[in-house]
Amino acid sequence: LYVCGMSRQVYRFTWDGKDLSAGEWINVAGSMRQPPSSEPPDDDGEAFDQWLEDNDSIDLVDINGPSDTDIYAVGDEVWHFDGRAWQQLAMRSDEPLAAIKVLDQKRVVLVGHNGSVLIGNAKDGFSDLSTAGDNQNFTAVEWFEEKLFLASNFGLFTYDPVRKKIEKYATTLKPDLKDTHMLEAKDGVLLSFGFKDLAYFDGQKWTRVDNPDNPPIR
Protein backbone atom coordinates (compact mmCIF):
# COMPACT_ATOMS: atom_id res chain seq x y z
CA LEU A 1 0.00 0.00 0.00
CA TYR A 2 1.37 3.38 -1.05
CA VAL A 3 0.08 6.86 -0.23
CA CYS A 4 1.18 10.29 -1.44
CA GLY A 5 0.50 13.86 -0.41
CA MET A 6 1.68 17.42 0.00
CA SER A 7 5.31 18.43 -0.47
CA ARG A 8 5.95 15.28 -2.54
CA GLN A 9 5.34 12.92 0.38
CA VAL A 10 5.24 9.19 -0.43
CA TYR A 11 4.90 6.41 2.15
CA ARG A 12 4.73 2.64 1.86
CA PHE A 13 2.93 0.47 4.43
CA THR A 14 4.95 -2.58 5.42
CA TRP A 15 3.71 -5.48 7.55
CA ASP A 16 4.30 -9.18 8.13
CA GLY A 17 1.13 -10.31 6.34
CA LYS A 18 -0.44 -11.45 9.61
CA ASP A 19 -0.92 -8.53 12.01
CA LEU A 20 -1.89 -5.17 10.51
CA SER A 21 -1.47 -3.41 13.85
CA ALA A 22 2.24 -4.30 13.76
CA GLY A 23 2.73 -2.63 10.38
CA GLU A 24 4.39 0.74 9.89
CA TRP A 25 4.58 3.52 7.33
CA ILE A 26 7.98 3.94 5.68
CA ASN A 27 9.02 7.17 3.99
CA VAL A 28 10.05 6.22 0.43
CA ALA A 29 10.08 9.69 -1.12
CA GLY A 30 13.85 10.01 -0.74
CA SER A 31 15.37 13.21 -2.09
CA MET A 32 12.16 14.00 -3.99
CA ARG A 33 10.42 15.10 -0.81
CA GLN A 34 10.30 18.79 0.00
CA PRO A 35 11.23 19.94 3.51
CA PRO A 36 8.31 20.72 5.87
CA SER A 37 6.90 24.22 5.56
CA SER A 38 7.69 26.78 8.23
CA GLU A 39 4.92 28.24 10.37
CA PRO A 40 3.02 31.04 8.58
CA PRO A 41 3.32 34.60 9.95
CA ASP A 42 0.51 36.03 12.06
CA ASP A 43 -0.29 38.90 9.70
CA ASP A 44 -1.89 38.44 6.27
CA GLY A 45 0.03 41.17 4.47
CA GLU A 46 3.31 41.18 2.58
CA ALA A 47 4.93 38.81 5.05
CA PHE A 48 2.26 36.19 4.38
CA ASP A 49 2.61 36.61 0.62
CA GLN A 50 6.35 36.10 0.95
CA TRP A 51 5.75 33.00 3.10
CA LEU A 52 3.51 31.52 0.41
CA GLU A 53 6.21 32.14 -2.20
CA ASP A 54 8.94 30.64 -0.04
CA ASN A 55 6.82 27.59 0.85
CA ASP A 56 5.45 26.63 -2.56
CA SER A 57 4.33 23.06 -1.93
CA ILE A 58 4.42 20.56 -4.81
CA ASP A 59 1.51 18.25 -4.08
CA LEU A 60 0.96 14.67 -5.26
CA VAL A 61 -2.66 13.47 -5.34
CA ASP A 62 -2.57 9.94 -6.79
CA ILE A 63 -0.11 7.06 -6.89
CA ASN A 64 -0.24 3.76 -8.79
CA GLY A 65 1.84 1.42 -10.89
CA PRO A 66 2.19 -2.06 -12.38
CA SER A 67 4.70 -3.16 -9.72
CA ASP A 68 6.86 -2.04 -6.80
CA THR A 69 9.59 -1.17 -9.28
CA ASP A 70 7.32 0.75 -11.65
CA ILE A 71 5.32 3.37 -9.73
CA TYR A 72 3.86 6.69 -10.87
CA ALA A 73 2.83 9.64 -8.70
CA VAL A 74 0.95 12.62 -10.14
CA GLY A 75 -0.31 16.01 -9.05
CA ASP A 76 1.44 19.30 -9.67
CA GLU A 77 4.22 17.21 -11.24
CA VAL A 78 4.68 13.65 -12.57
CA TRP A 79 7.25 11.33 -10.96
CA HIS A 80 8.31 7.73 -11.60
CA PHE A 81 9.91 5.25 -9.20
CA ASP A 82 11.97 2.33 -10.56
CA GLY A 83 12.45 0.63 -7.20
CA ARG A 84 15.64 2.55 -6.46
CA ALA A 85 15.03 6.26 -7.04
CA TRP A 86 12.40 8.77 -8.13
CA GLN A 87 12.72 10.66 -11.41
CA GLN A 88 10.58 13.57 -12.54
CA LEU A 89 9.04 13.00 -15.97
CA ALA A 90 8.92 15.76 -18.56
CA MET A 91 5.36 15.96 -19.91
CA ARG A 92 3.85 17.61 -22.98
CA SER A 93 1.68 19.79 -20.75
CA ASP A 94 2.20 21.46 -17.39
CA GLU A 95 -1.46 21.01 -16.41
CA PRO A 96 -1.94 19.47 -12.93
CA LEU A 97 -2.95 15.81 -13.05
CA ALA A 98 -5.43 14.14 -10.72
CA ALA A 99 -5.64 10.39 -11.33
CA ILE A 100 -3.84 7.31 -12.69
CA LYS A 101 -5.21 4.13 -14.28
CA VAL A 102 -2.81 1.29 -15.03
CA LEU A 103 -3.98 -0.82 -17.97
CA ASP A 104 -0.69 -2.69 -18.23
CA GLN A 105 3.04 -1.96 -18.00
CA LYS A 106 3.09 -0.08 -21.31
CA ARG A 107 -0.28 1.65 -21.01
CA VAL A 108 -0.58 3.94 -18.02
CA VAL A 109 -3.31 6.58 -18.26
CA LEU A 110 -2.97 9.97 -16.55
CA VAL A 111 -5.83 12.49 -16.42
CA GLY A 112 -6.24 15.99 -15.02
CA HIS A 113 -7.01 19.62 -15.67
CA ASN A 114 -7.96 21.24 -18.97
CA GLY A 115 -8.99 17.99 -20.64
CA SER A 116 -5.66 16.25 -20.05
CA VAL A 117 -5.72 12.54 -20.96
CA LEU A 118 -2.27 11.02 -21.44
CA ILE A 119 -1.31 7.41 -22.14
CA GLY A 120 2.09 5.75 -22.21
CA ASN A 121 4.88 4.91 -19.79
CA ALA A 122 8.06 6.30 -18.32
CA LYS A 123 10.32 4.50 -20.80
CA ASP A 124 8.51 5.27 -24.07
CA GLY A 125 6.88 8.58 -23.14
CA PHE A 126 3.24 9.66 -23.15
CA SER A 127 0.82 10.54 -25.95
CA ASP A 128 -1.92 13.14 -25.52
CA LEU A 129 -5.40 11.76 -26.30
CA SER A 130 -7.21 15.07 -25.78
CA THR A 131 -7.99 17.74 -28.37
CA ALA A 132 -8.06 21.53 -28.31
CA GLY A 133 -11.79 21.52 -27.56
CA ASP A 134 -11.46 19.40 -24.40
CA ASN A 135 -11.41 21.70 -21.36
CA GLN A 136 -12.90 19.49 -18.64
CA ASN A 137 -11.12 18.93 -15.35
CA PHE A 138 -10.90 15.14 -15.18
CA THR A 139 -10.82 13.88 -11.61
CA ALA A 140 -10.90 10.10 -12.16
CA VAL A 141 -10.40 7.48 -14.87
CA GLU A 142 -11.51 3.85 -15.10
CA TRP A 143 -11.40 1.11 -17.76
CA PHE A 144 -14.75 -0.59 -18.34
CA GLU A 145 -16.17 -2.47 -21.34
CA GLU A 146 -13.17 -1.63 -23.53
CA LYS A 147 -13.48 2.11 -22.93
CA LEU A 148 -11.95 4.71 -20.67
CA PHE A 149 -14.58 6.34 -18.46
CA LEU A 150 -13.65 9.83 -17.32
CA ALA A 151 -15.21 11.71 -14.39
CA SER A 152 -15.20 15.50 -14.64
CA ASN A 153 -16.76 18.74 -13.46
CA PHE A 154 -18.95 18.61 -16.60
CA GLY A 155 -20.21 15.08 -16.00
CA LEU A 156 -19.19 11.67 -17.29
CA PHE A 157 -17.15 11.22 -20.48
CA THR A 158 -15.64 8.28 -22.36
CA TYR A 159 -12.67 7.75 -24.63
CA ASP A 160 -13.19 5.06 -27.25
CA PRO A 161 -9.78 3.75 -28.45
CA VAL A 162 -11.34 2.74 -31.78
CA ARG A 163 -12.89 6.13 -32.57
CA LYS A 164 -10.03 7.97 -30.80
CA LYS A 165 -12.29 10.67 -29.40
CA ILE A 166 -13.39 11.96 -26.01
CA GLU A 167 -17.19 12.20 -25.90
CA LYS A 168 -19.88 13.10 -23.37
CA TYR A 169 -21.52 9.96 -22.01
CA ALA A 170 -25.28 9.73 -21.42
CA THR A 171 -26.58 7.27 -18.84
CA THR A 172 -30.13 5.89 -18.61
CA LEU A 173 -30.74 7.81 -15.38
CA LYS A 174 -33.47 10.47 -15.09
CA PRO A 175 -32.20 13.07 -14.48
CA ASP A 176 -28.87 12.12 -16.02
CA LEU A 177 -25.73 11.72 -13.97
CA LYS A 178 -23.97 15.08 -13.69
CA ASP A 179 -22.17 14.89 -10.36
CA THR A 180 -19.22 12.57 -10.97
CA HIS A 181 -15.96 12.66 -9.07
CA MET A 182 -14.54 9.17 -8.46
CA LEU A 183 -14.87 5.99 -10.53
CA GLU A 184 -14.20 2.36 -9.66
CA ALA A 185 -14.78 -0.85 -11.63
CA LYS A 186 -15.11 -4.13 -9.70
CA ASP A 187 -16.57 -7.51 -10.62
CA GLY A 188 -18.23 -6.29 -13.81
CA VAL A 189 -19.75 -3.17 -12.25
CA LEU A 190 -18.73 0.46 -12.76
CA LEU A 191 -19.37 2.66 -9.74
CA SER A 192 -19.60 6.47 -9.87
CA PHE A 193 -19.14 8.42 -6.65
CA GLY A 194 -20.09 12.10 -6.79
CA PHE A 195 -20.32 14.64 -4.01
CA LYS A 196 -24.08 14.05 -3.84
CA ASP A 197 -24.95 11.63 -6.65
CA LEU A 198 -24.09 7.92 -6.37
CA ALA A 199 -24.74 5.40 -9.16
CA TYR A 200 -23.54 2.13 -10.66
CA PHE A 201 -23.62 0.48 -14.09
CA ASP A 202 -23.71 -3.30 -14.60
CA GLY A 203 -23.12 -3.12 -18.35
CA GLN A 204 -26.86 -3.07 -19.10
CA LYS A 205 -28.51 -0.61 -16.75
CA TRP A 206 -27.59 2.38 -14.61
CA THR A 207 -28.95 2.46 -11.06
CA ARG A 208 -28.91 5.51 -8.78
CA VAL A 209 -28.34 4.99 -5.06
CA ASP A 210 -29.94 7.50 -2.69
CA ASN A 211 -27.51 9.18 -0.34
CA PRO A 212 -29.09 9.17 3.15
CA ASP A 213 -27.42 12.52 3.94
CA ASN A 214 -28.95 14.30 0.92
CA PRO A 215 -32.42 14.71 -0.63
CA PRO A 216 -33.16 12.02 -3.25
CA ILE A 217 -32.27 12.99 -6.83
CA ARG A 218 -35.39 12.66 -8.97
C-alpha atoms as a PDB file:
ATOM      1  CA  LEU A   1       0.000   0.000   0.000  1.00  0.00           C
ATOM      2  CA  TYR A   2       1.367   3.383  -1.052  1.00  0.00           C
ATOM      3  CA  VAL A   3       0.080   6.859  -0.233  1.00  0.00           C
ATOM      4  CA  CYS A   4       1.183  10.288  -1.436  1.00  0.00           C
ATOM      5  CA  GLY A   5       0.505  13.859  -0.405  1.00  0.00           C
ATOM      6  CA  MET A   6       1.678  17.418   0.005  1.00  0.00           C
ATOM      7  CA  SER A   7       5.306  18.430  -0.468  1.00  0.00           C
ATOM      8  CA  ARG A   8       5.945  15.285  -2.537  1.00  0.00           C
ATOM      9  CA  GLN A   9       5.343  12.919   0.382  1.00  0.00           C
ATOM     10  CA  VAL A  10       5.245   9.188  -0.426  1.00  0.00           C
ATOM     11  CA  TYR A  11       4.903   6.414   2.151  1.00  0.00           C
ATOM     12  CA  ARG A  12       4.732   2.635   1.860  1.00  0.00           C
ATOM     13  CA  PHE A  13       2.932   0.468   4.426  1.00  0.00           C
ATOM     14  CA  THR A  14       4.954  -2.584   5.417  1.00  0.00           C
ATOM     15  CA  TRP A  15       3.708  -5.482   7.548  1.00  0.00           C
ATOM     16  CA  ASP A  16       4.300  -9.182   8.130  1.00  0.00           C
ATOM     17  CA  GLY A  17       1.130 -10.314   6.344  1.00  0.00           C
ATOM     18  CA  LYS A  18      -0.441 -11.447   9.613  1.00  0.00           C
ATOM     19  CA  ASP A  19      -0.922  -8.534  12.007  1.00  0.00           C
ATOM     20  CA  LEU A  20      -1.894  -5.167  10.514  1.00  0.00           C
ATOM     21  CA  SER A  21      -1.467  -3.413  13.849  1.00  0.00           C
ATOM     22  CA  ALA A  22       2.242  -4.301  13.757  1.00  0.00           C
ATOM     23  CA  GLY A  23       2.734  -2.631  10.383  1.00  0.00           C
ATOM     24  CA  GLU A  24       4.392   0.737   9.888  1.00  0.00           C
ATOM     25  CA  TRP A  25       4.583   3.524   7.332  1.00  0.00           C
ATOM     26  CA  ILE A  26       7.979   3.939   5.680  1.00  0.00           C
ATOM     27  CA  ASN A  27       9.023   7.173   3.994  1.00  0.00           C
ATOM     28  CA  VAL A  28      10.049   6.217   0.427  1.00  0.00           C
ATOM     29  CA  ALA A  29      10.085   9.688  -1.118  1.00  0.00           C
ATOM     30  CA  GLY A  30      13.854  10.012  -0.738  1.00  0.00           C
ATOM     31  CA  SER A  31      15.367  13.213  -2.093  1.00  0.00           C
ATOM     32  CA  MET A  32      12.163  13.997  -3.994  1.00  0.00           C
ATOM     33  CA  ARG A  33      10.419  15.104  -0.808  1.00  0.00           C
ATOM     34  CA  GLN A  34      10.296  18.790   0.003  1.00  0.00           C
ATOM     35  CA  PRO A  35      11.227  19.943   3.510  1.00  0.00           C
ATOM     36  CA  PRO A  36       8.312  20.723   5.868  1.00  0.00           C
ATOM     37  CA  SER A  37       6.903  24.223   5.556  1.00  0.00           C
ATOM     38  CA  SER A  38       7.689  26.781   8.234  1.00  0.00           C
ATOM     39  CA  GLU A  39       4.917  28.241  10.374  1.00  0.00           C
ATOM     40  CA  PRO A  40       3.021  31.044   8.579  1.00  0.00           C
ATOM     41  CA  PRO A  41       3.324  34.603   9.949  1.00  0.00           C
ATOM     42  CA  ASP A  42       0.510  36.027  12.060  1.00  0.00           C
ATOM     43  CA  ASP A  43      -0.295  38.897   9.700  1.00  0.00           C
ATOM     44  CA  ASP A  44      -1.891  38.444   6.274  1.00  0.00           C
ATOM     45  CA  GLY A  45       0.032  41.173   4.469  1.00  0.00           C
ATOM     46  CA  GLU A  46       3.309  41.176   2.580  1.00  0.00           C
ATOM     47  CA  ALA A  47       4.931  38.807   5.049  1.00  0.00           C
ATOM     48  CA  PHE A  48       2.259  36.189   4.384  1.00  0.00           C
ATOM     49  CA  ASP A  49       2.606  36.608   0.616  1.00  0.00           C
ATOM     50  CA  GLN A  50       6.347  36.095   0.954  1.00  0.00           C
ATOM     51  CA  TRP A  51       5.751  33.003   3.101  1.00  0.00           C
ATOM     52  CA  LEU A  52       3.509  31.516   0.405  1.00  0.00           C
ATOM     53  CA  GLU A  53       6.211  32.143  -2.203  1.00  0.00           C
ATOM     54  CA  ASP A  54       8.944  30.640  -0.035  1.00  0.00           C
ATOM     55  CA  ASN A  55       6.823  27.593   0.847  1.00  0.00           C
ATOM     56  CA  ASP A  56       5.448  26.633  -2.559  1.00  0.00           C
ATOM     57  CA  SER A  57       4.328  23.061  -1.931  1.00  0.00           C
ATOM     58  CA  ILE A  58       4.424  20.563  -4.807  1.00  0.00           C
ATOM     59  CA  ASP A  59       1.513  18.252  -4.082  1.00  0.00           C
ATOM     60  CA  LEU A  60       0.963  14.666  -5.264  1.00  0.00           C
ATOM     61  CA  VAL A  61      -2.660  13.473  -5.341  1.00  0.00           C
ATOM     62  CA  ASP A  62      -2.568   9.937  -6.788  1.00  0.00           C
ATOM     63  CA  ILE A  63      -0.108   7.058  -6.889  1.00  0.00           C
ATOM     64  CA  ASN A  64      -0.244   3.760  -8.785  1.00  0.00           C
ATOM     65  CA  GLY A  65       1.841   1.424 -10.894  1.00  0.00           C
ATOM     66  CA  PRO A  66       2.191  -2.060 -12.377  1.00  0.00           C
ATOM     67  CA  SER A  67       4.701  -3.163  -9.716  1.00  0.00           C
ATOM     68  CA  ASP A  68       6.861  -2.041  -6.795  1.00  0.00           C
ATOM     69  CA  THR A  69       9.589  -1.175  -9.283  1.00  0.00           C
ATOM     70  CA  ASP A  70       7.318   0.746 -11.645  1.00  0.00           C
ATOM     71  CA  ILE A  71       5.325   3.373  -9.732  1.00  0.00           C
ATOM     72  CA  TYR A  72       3.859   6.694 -10.874  1.00  0.00           C
ATOM     73  CA  ALA A  73       2.833   9.643  -8.696  1.00  0.00           C
ATOM     74  CA  VAL A  74       0.953  12.616 -10.137  1.00  0.00           C
ATOM     75  CA  GLY A  75      -0.307  16.006  -9.048  1.00  0.00           C
ATOM     76  CA  ASP A  76       1.444  19.305  -9.666  1.00  0.00           C
ATOM     77  CA  GLU A  77       4.223  17.214 -11.241  1.00  0.00           C
ATOM     78  CA  VAL A  78       4.680  13.655 -12.574  1.00  0.00           C
ATOM     79  CA  TRP A  79       7.252  11.335 -10.962  1.00  0.00           C
ATOM     80  CA  HIS A  80       8.308   7.731 -11.598  1.00  0.00           C
ATOM     81  CA  PHE A  81       9.908   5.254  -9.196  1.00  0.00           C
ATOM     82  CA  ASP A  82      11.974   2.328 -10.560  1.00  0.00           C
ATOM     83  CA  GLY A  83      12.454   0.627  -7.201  1.00  0.00           C
ATOM     84  CA  ARG A  84      15.644   2.552  -6.458  1.00  0.00           C
ATOM     85  CA  ALA A  85      15.026   6.264  -7.040  1.00  0.00           C
ATOM     86  CA  TRP A  86      12.396   8.772  -8.134  1.00  0.00           C
ATOM     87  CA  GLN A  87      12.719  10.660 -11.408  1.00  0.00           C
ATOM     88  CA  GLN A  88      10.576  13.570 -12.540  1.00  0.00           C
ATOM     89  CA  LEU A  89       9.038  12.996 -15.969  1.00  0.00           C
ATOM     90  CA  ALA A  90       8.922  15.760 -18.560  1.00  0.00           C
ATOM     91  CA  MET A  91       5.358  15.956 -19.906  1.00  0.00           C
ATOM     92  CA  ARG A  92       3.850  17.611 -22.982  1.00  0.00           C
ATOM     93  CA  SER A  93       1.676  19.789 -20.749  1.00  0.00           C
ATOM     94  CA  ASP A  94       2.199  21.459 -17.392  1.00  0.00           C
ATOM     95  CA  GLU A  95      -1.460  21.010 -16.413  1.00  0.00           C
ATOM     96  CA  PRO A  96      -1.941  19.473 -12.932  1.00  0.00           C
ATOM     97  CA  LEU A  97      -2.951  15.808 -13.048  1.00  0.00           C
ATOM     98  CA  ALA A  98      -5.430  14.141 -10.724  1.00  0.00           C
ATOM     99  CA  ALA A  99      -5.636  10.390 -11.333  1.00  0.00           C
ATOM    100  CA  ILE A 100      -3.842   7.311 -12.689  1.00  0.00           C
ATOM    101  CA  LYS A 101      -5.215   4.133 -14.284  1.00  0.00           C
ATOM    102  CA  VAL A 102      -2.812   1.291 -15.034  1.00  0.00           C
ATOM    103  CA  LEU A 103      -3.983  -0.822 -17.966  1.00  0.00           C
ATOM    104  CA  ASP A 104      -0.689  -2.693 -18.227  1.00  0.00           C
ATOM    105  CA  GLN A 105       3.037  -1.962 -18.005  1.00  0.00           C
ATOM    106  CA  LYS A 106       3.093  -0.083 -21.313  1.00  0.00           C
ATOM    107  CA  ARG A 107      -0.283   1.652 -21.010  1.00  0.00           C
ATOM    108  CA  VAL A 108      -0.577   3.936 -18.020  1.00  0.00           C
ATOM    109  CA  VAL A 109      -3.311   6.582 -18.260  1.00  0.00           C
ATOM    110  CA  LEU A 110      -2.966   9.969 -16.546  1.00  0.00           C
ATOM    111  CA  VAL A 111      -5.827  12.490 -16.417  1.00  0.00           C
ATOM    112  CA  GLY A 112      -6.237  15.990 -15.023  1.00  0.00           C
ATOM    113  CA  HIS A 113      -7.005  19.618 -15.672  1.00  0.00           C
ATOM    114  CA  ASN A 114      -7.963  21.244 -18.972  1.00  0.00           C
ATOM    115  CA  GLY A 115      -8.991  17.990 -20.639  1.00  0.00           C
ATOM    116  CA  SER A 116      -5.665  16.247 -20.048  1.00  0.00           C
ATOM    117  CA  VAL A 117      -5.723  12.536 -20.959  1.00  0.00           C
ATOM    118  CA  LEU A 118      -2.272  11.015 -21.442  1.00  0.00           C
ATOM    119  CA  ILE A 119      -1.315   7.406 -22.141  1.00  0.00           C
ATOM    120  CA  GLY A 120       2.090   5.755 -22.210  1.00  0.00           C
ATOM    121  CA  ASN A 121       4.875   4.913 -19.791  1.00  0.00           C
ATOM    122  CA  ALA A 122       8.065   6.302 -18.317  1.00  0.00           C
ATOM    123  CA  LYS A 123      10.322   4.499 -20.803  1.00  0.00           C
ATOM    124  CA  ASP A 124       8.515   5.274 -24.071  1.00  0.00           C
ATOM    125  CA  GLY A 125       6.875   8.582 -23.138  1.00  0.00           C
ATOM    126  CA  PHE A 126       3.240   9.659 -23.150  1.00  0.00           C
ATOM    127  CA  SER A 127       0.815  10.544 -25.954  1.00  0.00           C
ATOM    128  CA  ASP A 128      -1.921  13.139 -25.518  1.00  0.00           C
ATOM    129  CA  LEU A 129      -5.397  11.763 -26.296  1.00  0.00           C
ATOM    130  CA  SER A 130      -7.215  15.069 -25.783  1.00  0.00           C
ATOM    131  CA  THR A 131      -7.992  17.743 -28.369  1.00  0.00           C
ATOM    132  CA  ALA A 132      -8.064  21.534 -28.310  1.00  0.00           C
ATOM    133  CA  GLY A 133     -11.790  21.516 -27.557  1.00  0.00           C
ATOM    134  CA  ASP A 134     -11.461  19.398 -24.404  1.00  0.00           C
ATOM    135  CA  ASN A 135     -11.409  21.695 -21.355  1.00  0.00           C
ATOM    136  CA  GLN A 136     -12.898  19.492 -18.643  1.00  0.00           C
ATOM    137  CA  ASN A 137     -11.123  18.927 -15.353  1.00  0.00           C
ATOM    138  CA  PHE A 138     -10.904  15.144 -15.185  1.00  0.00           C
ATOM    139  CA  THR A 139     -10.815  13.875 -11.607  1.00  0.00           C
ATOM    140  CA  ALA A 140     -10.904  10.102 -12.159  1.00  0.00           C
ATOM    141  CA  VAL A 141     -10.399   7.484 -14.869  1.00  0.00           C
ATOM    142  CA  GLU A 142     -11.507   3.850 -15.102  1.00  0.00           C
ATOM    143  CA  TRP A 143     -11.399   1.114 -17.760  1.00  0.00           C
ATOM    144  CA  PHE A 144     -14.747  -0.587 -18.339  1.00  0.00           C
ATOM    145  CA  GLU A 145     -16.169  -2.466 -21.337  1.00  0.00           C
ATOM    146  CA  GLU A 146     -13.170  -1.633 -23.533  1.00  0.00           C
ATOM    147  CA  LYS A 147     -13.476   2.114 -22.926  1.00  0.00           C
ATOM    148  CA  LEU A 148     -11.952   4.712 -20.671  1.00  0.00           C
ATOM    149  CA  PHE A 149     -14.581   6.336 -18.462  1.00  0.00           C
ATOM    150  CA  LEU A 150     -13.649   9.831 -17.322  1.00  0.00           C
ATOM    151  CA  ALA A 151     -15.207  11.712 -14.395  1.00  0.00           C
ATOM    152  CA  SER A 152     -15.196  15.504 -14.643  1.00  0.00           C
ATOM    153  CA  ASN A 153     -16.762  18.740 -13.460  1.00  0.00           C
ATOM    154  CA  PHE A 154     -18.945  18.613 -16.597  1.00  0.00           C
ATOM    155  CA  GLY A 155     -20.211  15.084 -16.002  1.00  0.00           C
ATOM    156  CA  LEU A 156     -19.189  11.670 -17.291  1.00  0.00           C
ATOM    157  CA  PHE A 157     -17.149  11.225 -20.483  1.00  0.00           C
ATOM    158  CA  THR A 158     -15.641   8.281 -22.359  1.00  0.00           C
ATOM    159  CA  TYR A 159     -12.673   7.747 -24.631  1.00  0.00           C
ATOM    160  CA  ASP A 160     -13.189   5.065 -27.246  1.00  0.00           C
ATOM    161  CA  PRO A 161      -9.779   3.748 -28.452  1.00  0.00           C
ATOM    162  CA  VAL A 162     -11.338   2.739 -31.781  1.00  0.00           C
ATOM    163  CA  ARG A 163     -12.886   6.131 -32.565  1.00  0.00           C
ATOM    164  CA  LYS A 164     -10.029   7.971 -30.801  1.00  0.00           C
ATOM    165  CA  LYS A 165     -12.286  10.671 -29.399  1.00  0.00           C
ATOM    166  CA  ILE A 166     -13.386  11.960 -26.007  1.00  0.00           C
ATOM    167  CA  GLU A 167     -17.192  12.200 -25.898  1.00  0.00           C
ATOM    168  CA  LYS A 168     -19.883  13.103 -23.368  1.00  0.00           C
ATOM    169  CA  TYR A 169     -21.522   9.956 -22.010  1.00  0.00           C
ATOM    170  CA  ALA A 170     -25.275   9.726 -21.421  1.00  0.00           C
ATOM    171  CA  THR A 171     -26.584   7.267 -18.841  1.00  0.00           C
ATOM    172  CA  THR A 172     -30.135   5.892 -18.610  1.00  0.00           C
ATOM    173  CA  LEU A 173     -30.740   7.814 -15.378  1.00  0.00           C
ATOM    174  CA  LYS A 174     -33.467  10.466 -15.092  1.00  0.00           C
ATOM    175  CA  PRO A 175     -32.196  13.070 -14.479  1.00  0.00           C
ATOM    176  CA  ASP A 176     -28.874  12.118 -16.020  1.00  0.00           C
ATOM    177  CA  LEU A 177     -25.729  11.725 -13.971  1.00  0.00           C
ATOM    178  CA  LYS A 178     -23.971  15.080 -13.690  1.00  0.00           C
ATOM    179  CA  ASP A 179     -22.172  14.891 -10.361  1.00  0.00           C
ATOM    180  CA  THR A 180     -19.221  12.566 -10.970  1.00  0.00           C
ATOM    181  CA  HIS A 181     -15.955  12.664  -9.065  1.00  0.00           C
ATOM    182  CA  MET A 182     -14.538   9.171  -8.459  1.00  0.00           C
ATOM    183  CA  LEU A 183     -14.872   5.991 -10.535  1.00  0.00           C
ATOM    184  CA  GLU A 184     -14.198   2.364  -9.659  1.00  0.00           C
ATOM    185  CA  ALA A 185     -14.782  -0.850 -11.630  1.00  0.00           C
ATOM    186  CA  LYS A 186     -15.108  -4.131  -9.699  1.00  0.00           C
ATOM    187  CA  ASP A 187     -16.567  -7.512 -10.621  1.00  0.00           C
ATOM    188  CA  GLY A 188     -18.233  -6.292 -13.814  1.00  0.00           C
ATOM    189  CA  VAL A 189     -19.750  -3.171 -12.253  1.00  0.00           C
ATOM    190  CA  LEU A 190     -18.734   0.461 -12.762  1.00  0.00           C
ATOM    191  CA  LEU A 191     -19.370   2.660  -9.737  1.00  0.00           C
ATOM    192  CA  SER A 192     -19.597   6.466  -9.866  1.00  0.00           C
ATOM    193  CA  PHE A 193     -19.137   8.423  -6.654  1.00  0.00           C
ATOM    194  CA  GLY A 194     -20.092  12.101  -6.786  1.00  0.00           C
ATOM    195  CA  PHE A 195     -20.315  14.645  -4.009  1.00  0.00           C
ATOM    196  CA  LYS A 196     -24.084  14.052  -3.837  1.00  0.00           C
ATOM    197  CA  ASP A 197     -24.946  11.630  -6.646  1.00  0.00           C
ATOM    198  CA  LEU A 198     -24.094   7.916  -6.367  1.00  0.00           C
ATOM    199  CA  ALA A 199     -24.742   5.400  -9.155  1.00  0.00           C
ATOM    200  CA  TYR A 200     -23.537   2.132 -10.659  1.00  0.00           C
ATOM    201  CA  PHE A 201     -23.617   0.479 -14.091  1.00  0.00           C
ATOM    202  CA  ASP A 202     -23.715  -3.300 -14.604  1.00  0.00           C
ATOM    203  CA  GLY A 203     -23.120  -3.123 -18.346  1.00  0.00           C
ATOM    204  CA  GLN A 204     -26.855  -3.067 -19.096  1.00  0.00           C
ATOM    205  CA  LYS A 205     -28.511  -0.608 -16.750  1.00  0.00           C
ATOM    206  CA  TRP A 206     -27.586   2.381 -14.611  1.00  0.00           C
ATOM    207  CA  THR A 207     -28.949   2.461 -11.058  1.00  0.00           C
ATOM    208  CA  ARG A 208     -28.906   5.506  -8.783  1.00  0.00           C
ATOM    209  CA  VAL A 209     -28.341   4.990  -5.057  1.00  0.00           C
ATOM    210  CA  ASP A 210     -29.945   7.502  -2.695  1.00  0.00           C
ATOM    211  CA  ASN A 211     -27.505   9.176  -0.339  1.00  0.00           C
ATOM    212  CA  PRO A 212     -29.089   9.172   3.148  1.00  0.00           C
ATOM    213  CA  ASP A 213     -27.423  12.520   3.938  1.00  0.00           C
ATOM    214  CA  ASN A 214     -28.955  14.300   0.916  1.00  0.00           C
ATOM    215  CA  PRO A 215     -32.419  14.714  -0.630  1.00  0.00           C
ATOM    216  CA  PRO A 216     -33.162  12.020  -3.251  1.00  0.00           C
ATOM    217  CA  ILE A 217     -32.268  12.992  -6.826  1.00  0.00           C
ATOM    218  CA  ARG A 218     -35.388  12.659  -8.971  1.00  0.00           C
END
